Amino acid sequence: MSDEQRERVLSQVLKEAGYTKDSSLTLDDFIKVLGQSELKMDVEIPKDQAKCKRNTKQEY
């Protein structure tokens, strides 16, 4: 996913939660908004890198 795509997704999630570009957002607000959204992100590490890092798949 590109940085531009990530920005669009995050902007949409914040907009749906009632925030605008002019809103002040604390870390607690950010965590609360993401925790209540149905936004999911899968992270997979290729097998050739598994020796250095654990092969994980997490949902946020």
Protein backbone atom coordinates (compact mmCIF):
# COMPACT_ATOMS: atom_id res chain seq x y z
CA MET A 1 0.00 0.00 0.00
CA SER A 2 1.40 3.38 -0.93
CA ASP A 3 1.75 6.30 1.47
CA GLU A 4 -0.98 8.11 -0.47
CA GLN A 5 -3.38 5.17 -0.07
CA ARG A 6 -2.63 4.95 3.67
CA GLU A 7 -3.30 8.67 4.04
CA ARG A 8 -6.64 8.39 2.21
CA VAL A 9 -7.75 5.44 4.37
CA LEU A 10 -6.76 7.16 7.61
CA SER A 11 -8.41 10.43 6.52
CA GLN A 12 -11.64 8.56 5.78
CA VAL A 13 -11.61 6.78 9.15
CA LEU A 14 -11.04 10.09 10.98
CA LYS A 15 -13.73 11.82 8.92
CA GLU A 16 -16.24 9.09 9.77
CA ALA A 17 -15.36 9.60 13.46
CA GLY A 18 -16.18 13.31 13.15
CA TYR A 19 -12.69 14.79 12.87
CA THR A 20 -11.61 17.35 10.28
CA LYS A 21 -8.18 18.46 9.08
CA ASP A 22 -8.41 21.36 11.56
CA SER A 23 -9.18 19.12 14.54
CA SER A 24 -6.68 18.64 17.33
CA LEU A 25 -6.06 14.95 17.82
CA THR A 26 -4.31 13.52 20.86
CA LEU A 27 -2.71 10.09 20.91
CA ASP A 28 -5.60 8.85 23.08
CA ASP A 29 -8.12 10.15 20.50
CA PHE A 30 -6.19 8.46 17.70
CA ILE A 31 -6.08 5.11 19.53
CA LYS A 32 -9.78 5.36 20.38
CA VAL A 33 -10.78 6.10 16.77
CA LEU A 34 -8.68 3.27 15.33
CA GLY A 35 -9.87 0.88 18.04
CA GLN A 36 -13.50 1.53 17.15
CA SER A 37 -13.04 1.36 13.39
CA GLU A 38 -13.25 -1.82 11.36
CA LEU A 39 -9.90 -0.96 9.79
CA LYS A 40 -7.68 -4.02 9.48
CA MET A 41 -4.10 -4.34 8.37
CA ASP A 42 -2.36 -7.61 7.61
CA VAL A 43 1.40 -7.82 7.82
CA GLU A 44 3.26 -10.76 6.33
CA ILE A 45 7.00 -11.34 6.24
CA PRO A 46 8.36 -13.30 3.26
CA LYS A 47 9.87 -16.72 4.02
CA ASP A 48 13.38 -15.63 3.03
CA GLN A 49 13.33 -13.08 5.85
CA ALA A 50 11.81 -15.45 8.39
CA LYS A 51 15.26 -16.39 9.68
CA CYS A 52 15.71 -12.87 11.05
CA LYS A 53 12.11 -12.10 11.95
CA ARG A 54 9.16 -14.18 13.04
CA ASN A 55 6.55 -14.82 10.34
CA THR A 56 3.58 -12.94 11.74
CA LYS A 57 0.17 -11.79 10.68
CA GLN A 58 -1.43 -9.16 12.90
CA GLU A 59 -4.71 -7.30 12.85
CA TYR A 60 -4.92 -3.66 13.99
